[in-house]
């Protein structure tokens, strides 16, 4: 416990302000990545910065994946590349509604 509890005396909550998903959300529903952020914060609480970086790396990676979707984008890019390769080799023909042609209108 700090000697002066400055946050309480000033009536501000810096910890809540610093956390992205813990801010008040519209309609009072939890944000999409709130659970991942909460796990990461709880893991690192009281460990110190150096030890928390080492020990809480999986929680941090899960939180960042939820926020930025980098692994999902890389996976989608690989799938589309494989699809294009199969189309080029003639092994796959996409359905008509996926070929970008408009249906005739009545």
N, C-alpha and C. Protein backbone atom coordinates (compact mmCIF):
# COMPACT_ATOMS: atom_id res chain seq x y z
N UNK A 1 0.85 -1.18 0.00
CA UNK A 1 0.00 0.00 0.00
C UNK A 1 0.89 1.24 0.00
N UNK A 2 0.61 2.17 -0.88
CA UNK A 2 1.45 3.37 -0.94
C UNK A 2 1.25 4.25 0.30
N UNK A 3 2.27 5.06 0.55
CA UNK A 3 2.21 5.95 1.71
C UNK A 3 1.06 6.94 1.57
N UNK A 4 0.94 7.57 0.40
CA UNK A 4 -0.19 8.46 0.10
C UNK A 4 -1.02 7.80 -0.97
N UNK A 5 -2.27 7.58 -0.71
CA UNK A 5 -3.16 7.01 -1.72
C UNK A 5 -3.70 8.15 -2.58
N UNK A 6 -2.85 8.61 -3.50
CA UNK A 6 -3.15 9.80 -4.29
C UNK A 6 -4.35 9.60 -5.21
N UNK A 7 -4.48 8.41 -5.79
CA UNK A 7 -5.61 8.17 -6.68
C UNK A 7 -6.94 8.34 -5.94
N UNK A 8 -7.03 7.78 -4.76
CA UNK A 8 -8.28 7.87 -4.00
C UNK A 8 -8.53 9.31 -3.54
N UNK A 9 -7.47 10.02 -3.14
CA UNK A 9 -7.63 11.39 -2.67
C UNK A 9 -8.09 12.32 -3.79
N UNK A 10 -7.60 12.08 -5.01
CA UNK A 10 -7.99 12.93 -6.14
C UNK A 10 -9.28 12.45 -6.81
N UNK A 11 -9.72 11.26 -6.46
CA UNK A 11 -10.96 10.76 -7.02
C UNK A 11 -10.83 10.25 -8.44
N UNK A 12 -9.62 9.79 -8.81
CA UNK A 12 -9.41 9.23 -10.15
C UNK A 12 -8.99 7.78 -10.02
N UNK A 13 -9.19 7.03 -11.07
CA UNK A 13 -8.80 5.63 -11.08
C UNK A 13 -7.92 5.41 -12.31
N UNK A 14 -6.63 5.64 -12.17
CA UNK A 14 -5.70 5.55 -13.29
C UNK A 14 -5.61 4.12 -13.81
N UNK A 15 -5.68 3.15 -12.92
CA UNK A 15 -5.59 1.76 -13.36
C UNK A 15 -6.71 1.43 -14.33
N UNK A 16 -7.90 1.86 -14.04
CA UNK A 16 -9.03 1.58 -14.91
C UNK A 16 -8.89 2.35 -16.22
N UNK A 17 -8.36 3.57 -16.15
CA UNK A 17 -8.18 4.38 -17.34
C UNK A 17 -7.12 3.78 -18.26
N UNK A 18 -6.09 3.15 -17.69
CA UNK A 18 -5.02 2.58 -18.50
C UNK A 18 -5.43 1.30 -19.20
N UNK A 19 -6.37 0.56 -18.65
CA UNK A 19 -6.80 -0.70 -19.24
C UNK A 19 -7.86 -0.43 -20.31
N UNK A 20 -7.61 -0.92 -21.51
CA UNK A 20 -8.49 -0.61 -22.64
C UNK A 20 -9.87 -1.22 -22.50
N UNK A 21 -9.94 -2.48 -22.10
CA UNK A 21 -11.21 -3.19 -22.10
C UNK A 21 -12.02 -2.97 -20.83
N UNK A 22 -11.42 -2.40 -19.80
CA UNK A 22 -12.12 -2.24 -18.54
C UNK A 22 -12.88 -0.92 -18.45
N UNK A 23 -12.74 -0.11 -19.48
CA UNK A 23 -13.45 1.18 -19.47
C UNK A 23 -14.95 0.92 -19.56
N UNK A 24 -15.76 1.88 -19.13
CA UNK A 24 -17.21 1.69 -19.24
C UNK A 24 -17.60 1.49 -20.71
N UNK A 25 -18.37 0.45 -20.98
CA UNK A 25 -18.75 0.10 -22.34
C UNK A 25 -20.21 0.48 -22.58
N UNK A 26 -20.57 0.72 -23.84
CA UNK A 26 -21.96 1.03 -24.14
C UNK A 26 -22.87 -0.14 -23.75
N UNK A 27 -24.02 0.17 -23.26
CA UNK A 27 -25.03 -0.81 -22.83
C UNK A 27 -24.51 -1.71 -21.71
N UNK A 28 -23.42 -1.32 -21.05
CA UNK A 28 -22.87 -2.02 -19.89
C UNK A 28 -22.54 -3.48 -20.16
N UNK A 29 -22.12 -3.79 -21.38
CA UNK A 29 -21.70 -5.15 -21.73
C UNK A 29 -20.19 -5.18 -21.81
N UNK A 30 -19.59 -6.29 -21.42
CA UNK A 30 -18.14 -6.41 -21.42
C UNK A 30 -17.62 -6.38 -22.86
N UNK A 31 -16.45 -5.79 -23.05
CA UNK A 31 -15.84 -5.72 -24.37
C UNK A 31 -15.40 -7.11 -24.81
N UNK A 32 -15.15 -7.26 -26.10
CA UNK A 32 -14.83 -8.57 -26.68
C UNK A 32 -13.59 -9.20 -26.05
N UNK A 33 -12.58 -8.44 -25.79
CA UNK A 33 -11.31 -8.99 -25.29
C UNK A 33 -11.13 -8.75 -23.79
N UNK A 34 -12.19 -8.41 -23.11
CA UNK A 34 -12.10 -8.09 -21.68
C UNK A 34 -11.55 -9.26 -20.87
N UNK A 35 -11.99 -10.47 -21.17
CA UNK A 35 -11.54 -11.64 -20.40
C UNK A 35 -10.05 -11.87 -20.57
N UNK A 36 -9.54 -11.70 -21.79
CA UNK A 36 -8.11 -11.90 -22.04
C UNK A 36 -7.28 -10.84 -21.32
N UNK A 37 -7.76 -9.60 -21.35
CA UNK A 37 -7.04 -8.54 -20.67
C UNK A 37 -7.04 -8.79 -19.16
N UNK A 38 -8.16 -9.22 -18.63
CA UNK A 38 -8.27 -9.48 -17.20
C UNK A 38 -7.30 -10.60 -16.78
N UNK A 39 -7.21 -11.67 -17.58
CA UNK A 39 -6.26 -12.75 -17.28
C UNK A 39 -4.83 -12.25 -17.27
N UNK A 40 -4.48 -11.40 -18.26
CA UNK A 40 -3.13 -10.88 -18.35
C UNK A 40 -2.81 -9.99 -17.14
N UNK A 41 -3.74 -9.14 -16.75
CA UNK A 41 -3.51 -8.25 -15.62
C UNK A 41 -3.40 -9.04 -14.32
N UNK A 42 -4.29 -10.02 -14.14
CA UNK A 42 -4.24 -10.82 -12.92
C UNK A 42 -2.96 -11.65 -12.84
N UNK A 43 -2.46 -12.11 -13.99
CA UNK A 43 -1.22 -12.88 -14.00
C UNK A 43 -0.04 -12.01 -13.56
N UNK A 44 0.03 -10.80 -14.06
CA UNK A 44 1.17 -9.94 -13.77
C UNK A 44 1.07 -9.15 -12.49
N UNK A 45 -0.06 -9.21 -11.82
CA UNK A 45 -0.26 -8.41 -10.62
C UNK A 45 0.72 -8.84 -9.52
N UNK A 46 1.53 -7.92 -9.05
CA UNK A 46 2.42 -8.16 -7.93
C UNK A 46 3.71 -8.88 -8.28
N UNK A 47 3.96 -9.16 -9.58
CA UNK A 47 5.18 -9.88 -9.95
C UNK A 47 6.36 -8.97 -10.24
N UNK A 48 6.08 -7.77 -10.68
CA UNK A 48 7.16 -6.89 -11.14
C UNK A 48 7.25 -7.00 -12.65
N UNK A 49 7.73 -5.95 -13.29
CA UNK A 49 7.71 -5.87 -14.74
C UNK A 49 8.55 -6.95 -15.42
N UNK A 50 9.75 -7.18 -14.98
CA UNK A 50 10.64 -8.15 -15.63
C UNK A 50 10.11 -9.56 -15.51
N UNK A 51 9.72 -9.95 -14.33
CA UNK A 51 9.21 -11.31 -14.12
C UNK A 51 7.86 -11.50 -14.80
N UNK A 52 7.02 -10.47 -14.79
CA UNK A 52 5.70 -10.57 -15.42
C UNK A 52 5.83 -10.73 -16.93
N UNK A 53 6.78 -10.05 -17.55
CA UNK A 53 6.98 -10.20 -19.00
C UNK A 53 7.34 -11.64 -19.35
N UNK A 54 8.13 -12.27 -18.53
CA UNK A 54 8.58 -13.64 -18.79
C UNK A 54 7.47 -14.65 -18.49
N UNK A 55 6.82 -14.50 -17.35
CA UNK A 55 5.86 -15.50 -16.91
C UNK A 55 4.46 -15.34 -17.51
N UNK A 56 4.11 -14.15 -17.93
CA UNK A 56 2.76 -13.91 -18.43
C UNK A 56 2.73 -13.73 -19.94
N UNK A 57 3.74 -14.19 -20.63
CA UNK A 57 3.81 -14.05 -22.09
C UNK A 57 2.63 -14.72 -22.80
N UNK A 58 2.22 -15.95 -22.42
CA UNK A 58 1.06 -16.56 -23.12
C UNK A 58 -0.23 -15.74 -22.97
N UNK A 59 -0.48 -15.20 -21.79
CA UNK A 59 -1.68 -14.39 -21.58
C UNK A 59 -1.62 -13.11 -22.41
N UNK A 60 -0.43 -12.50 -22.47
CA UNK A 60 -0.27 -11.28 -23.26
C UNK A 60 -0.47 -11.57 -24.75
N UNK A 61 0.08 -12.68 -25.24
CA UNK A 61 -0.10 -13.04 -26.64
C UNK A 61 -1.56 -13.30 -26.98
N UNK A 62 -2.29 -13.95 -26.07
CA UNK A 62 -3.72 -14.18 -26.29
C UNK A 62 -4.47 -12.85 -26.36
N UNK A 63 -4.14 -11.93 -25.47
CA UNK A 63 -4.79 -10.62 -25.46
C UNK A 63 -4.50 -9.86 -26.75
N UNK A 64 -3.25 -9.86 -27.19
CA UNK A 64 -2.89 -9.15 -28.42
C UNK A 64 -3.54 -9.79 -29.65
N UNK A 65 -3.66 -11.11 -29.67
CA UNK A 65 -4.33 -11.79 -30.78
C UNK A 65 -5.81 -11.41 -30.81
N UNK A 66 -6.42 -11.33 -29.66
CA UNK A 66 -7.82 -10.93 -29.60
C UNK A 66 -8.00 -9.50 -30.09
N UNK A 67 -7.06 -8.62 -29.76
CA UNK A 67 -7.17 -7.22 -30.16
C UNK A 67 -6.88 -7.00 -31.64
N UNK A 68 -5.84 -7.65 -32.17
CA UNK A 68 -5.35 -7.34 -33.51
C UNK A 68 -5.64 -8.41 -34.56
N UNK A 69 -5.92 -9.63 -34.14
CA UNK A 69 -6.25 -10.75 -35.04
C UNK A 69 -5.15 -11.02 -36.08
N UNK A 70 -3.89 -10.93 -35.68
CA UNK A 70 -2.79 -11.14 -36.63
C UNK A 70 -2.66 -12.59 -37.06
N UNK A 71 -2.81 -13.54 -36.14
CA UNK A 71 -2.72 -14.95 -36.51
C UNK A 71 -3.89 -15.35 -37.40
N UNK A 72 -5.06 -14.81 -37.13
CA UNK A 72 -6.23 -15.09 -37.95
C UNK A 72 -6.04 -14.56 -39.37
N UNK A 73 -5.50 -13.35 -39.50
CA UNK A 73 -5.25 -12.78 -40.82
C UNK A 73 -4.22 -13.59 -41.60
N UNK A 74 -3.17 -14.04 -40.91
CA UNK A 74 -2.14 -14.85 -41.58
C UNK A 74 -2.73 -16.19 -42.04
N UNK A 75 -3.58 -16.78 -41.22
CA UNK A 75 -4.22 -18.06 -41.58
C UNK A 75 -5.13 -17.86 -42.79
N UNK A 76 -5.91 -16.79 -42.80
CA UNK A 76 -6.80 -16.51 -43.93
C UNK A 76 -6.01 -16.27 -45.21
N UNK A 77 -4.89 -15.57 -45.09
CA UNK A 77 -4.04 -15.31 -46.26
C UNK A 77 -3.50 -16.63 -46.83
N UNK A 78 -3.09 -17.54 -45.96
CA UNK A 78 -2.60 -18.85 -46.40
C UNK A 78 -3.70 -19.65 -47.09
N UNK A 79 -4.91 -19.62 -46.54
CA UNK A 79 -6.03 -20.34 -47.14
C UNK A 79 -6.36 -19.78 -48.52
N UNK A 80 -6.38 -18.47 -48.66
CA UNK A 80 -6.69 -17.86 -49.96
C UNK A 80 -5.59 -18.15 -50.98
N UNK A 81 -4.35 -18.16 -50.54
CA UNK A 81 -3.24 -18.49 -51.43
C UNK A 81 -3.36 -19.92 -51.94
N UNK A 82 -3.71 -20.84 -51.04
CA UNK A 82 -3.90 -22.24 -51.42
C UNK A 82 -5.08 -22.38 -52.38
N UNK A 83 -6.16 -21.64 -52.15
CA UNK A 83 -7.31 -21.69 -53.04
C UNK A 83 -6.95 -21.19 -54.44
N UNK A 84 -6.22 -20.07 -54.50
CA UNK A 84 -5.80 -19.52 -55.80
C UNK A 84 -4.89 -20.50 -56.54
N UNK A 85 -4.01 -21.17 -55.81
CA UNK A 85 -3.12 -22.16 -56.40
C UNK A 85 -3.91 -23.32 -56.99
N UNK A 86 -4.92 -23.80 -56.24
CA UNK A 86 -5.74 -24.91 -56.72
C UNK A 86 -6.58 -24.50 -57.94
N UNK A 87 -7.06 -23.26 -57.97
CA UNK A 87 -7.82 -22.78 -59.13
C UNK A 87 -6.92 -22.72 -60.35
N UNK A 88 -5.69 -22.24 -60.15
CA UNK A 88 -4.73 -22.13 -61.24
C UNK A 88 -4.37 -23.51 -61.80
N UNK A 89 -4.26 -24.51 -60.94
CA UNK A 89 -3.94 -25.88 -61.38
C UNK A 89 -5.16 -26.60 -61.94
N UNK A 90 -6.35 -26.05 -61.77
CA UNK A 90 -7.57 -26.67 -62.28
C UNK A 90 -8.15 -27.72 -61.36
N UNK A 91 -7.70 -27.79 -60.13
CA UNK A 91 -8.19 -28.79 -59.19
C UNK A 91 -9.43 -28.33 -58.43
N UNK A 92 -9.74 -27.04 -58.50
CA UNK A 92 -10.88 -26.50 -57.75
C UNK A 92 -11.59 -25.47 -58.59
N UNK A 93 -12.89 -25.56 -58.62
CA UNK A 93 -13.71 -24.55 -59.30
C UNK A 93 -14.65 -23.96 -58.26
N UNK A 94 -14.55 -22.66 -58.01
CA UNK A 94 -15.43 -22.06 -57.01
C UNK A 94 -16.89 -22.07 -57.48
N UNK A 95 -17.83 -22.11 -56.55
CA UNK A 95 -19.23 -22.07 -56.93
C UNK A 95 -19.57 -20.77 -57.67
N UNK A 96 -20.67 -20.78 -58.40
CA UNK A 96 -21.03 -19.60 -59.21
C UNK A 96 -21.21 -18.35 -58.36
N UNK A 97 -21.78 -18.51 -57.19
CA UNK A 97 -22.02 -17.33 -56.35
C UNK A 97 -20.74 -16.79 -55.72
N UNK A 98 -19.59 -17.47 -55.89
CA UNK A 98 -18.31 -16.97 -55.39
C UNK A 98 -17.40 -16.47 -56.50
N UNK A 99 -17.89 -16.46 -57.73
CA UNK A 99 -17.04 -16.05 -58.85
C UNK A 99 -17.14 -14.57 -59.16
N UNK A 100 -17.98 -13.85 -58.45
CA UNK A 100 -18.06 -12.39 -58.63
C UNK A 100 -18.98 -11.98 -59.76
N UNK A 101 -19.73 -12.90 -60.33
CA UNK A 101 -20.67 -12.58 -61.40
C UNK A 101 -22.03 -12.29 -60.78
N UNK A 102 -22.65 -11.25 -61.26
CA UNK A 102 -23.97 -10.90 -60.75
C UNK A 102 -25.01 -11.79 -61.37
N UNK A 103 -26.02 -12.10 -60.62
CA UNK A 103 -27.14 -12.86 -61.15
C UNK A 103 -28.02 -11.95 -61.98
N UNK A 104 -28.62 -12.49 -63.03
CA UNK A 104 -29.50 -11.62 -63.84
C UNK A 104 -30.70 -11.18 -63.00
N UNK A 105 -31.01 -9.93 -63.18
CA UNK A 105 -32.15 -9.37 -62.41
C UNK A 105 -33.44 -9.50 -63.22
N UNK A 106 -34.55 -9.71 -62.54
CA UNK A 106 -35.82 -9.87 -63.26
C UNK A 106 -36.32 -8.57 -63.85
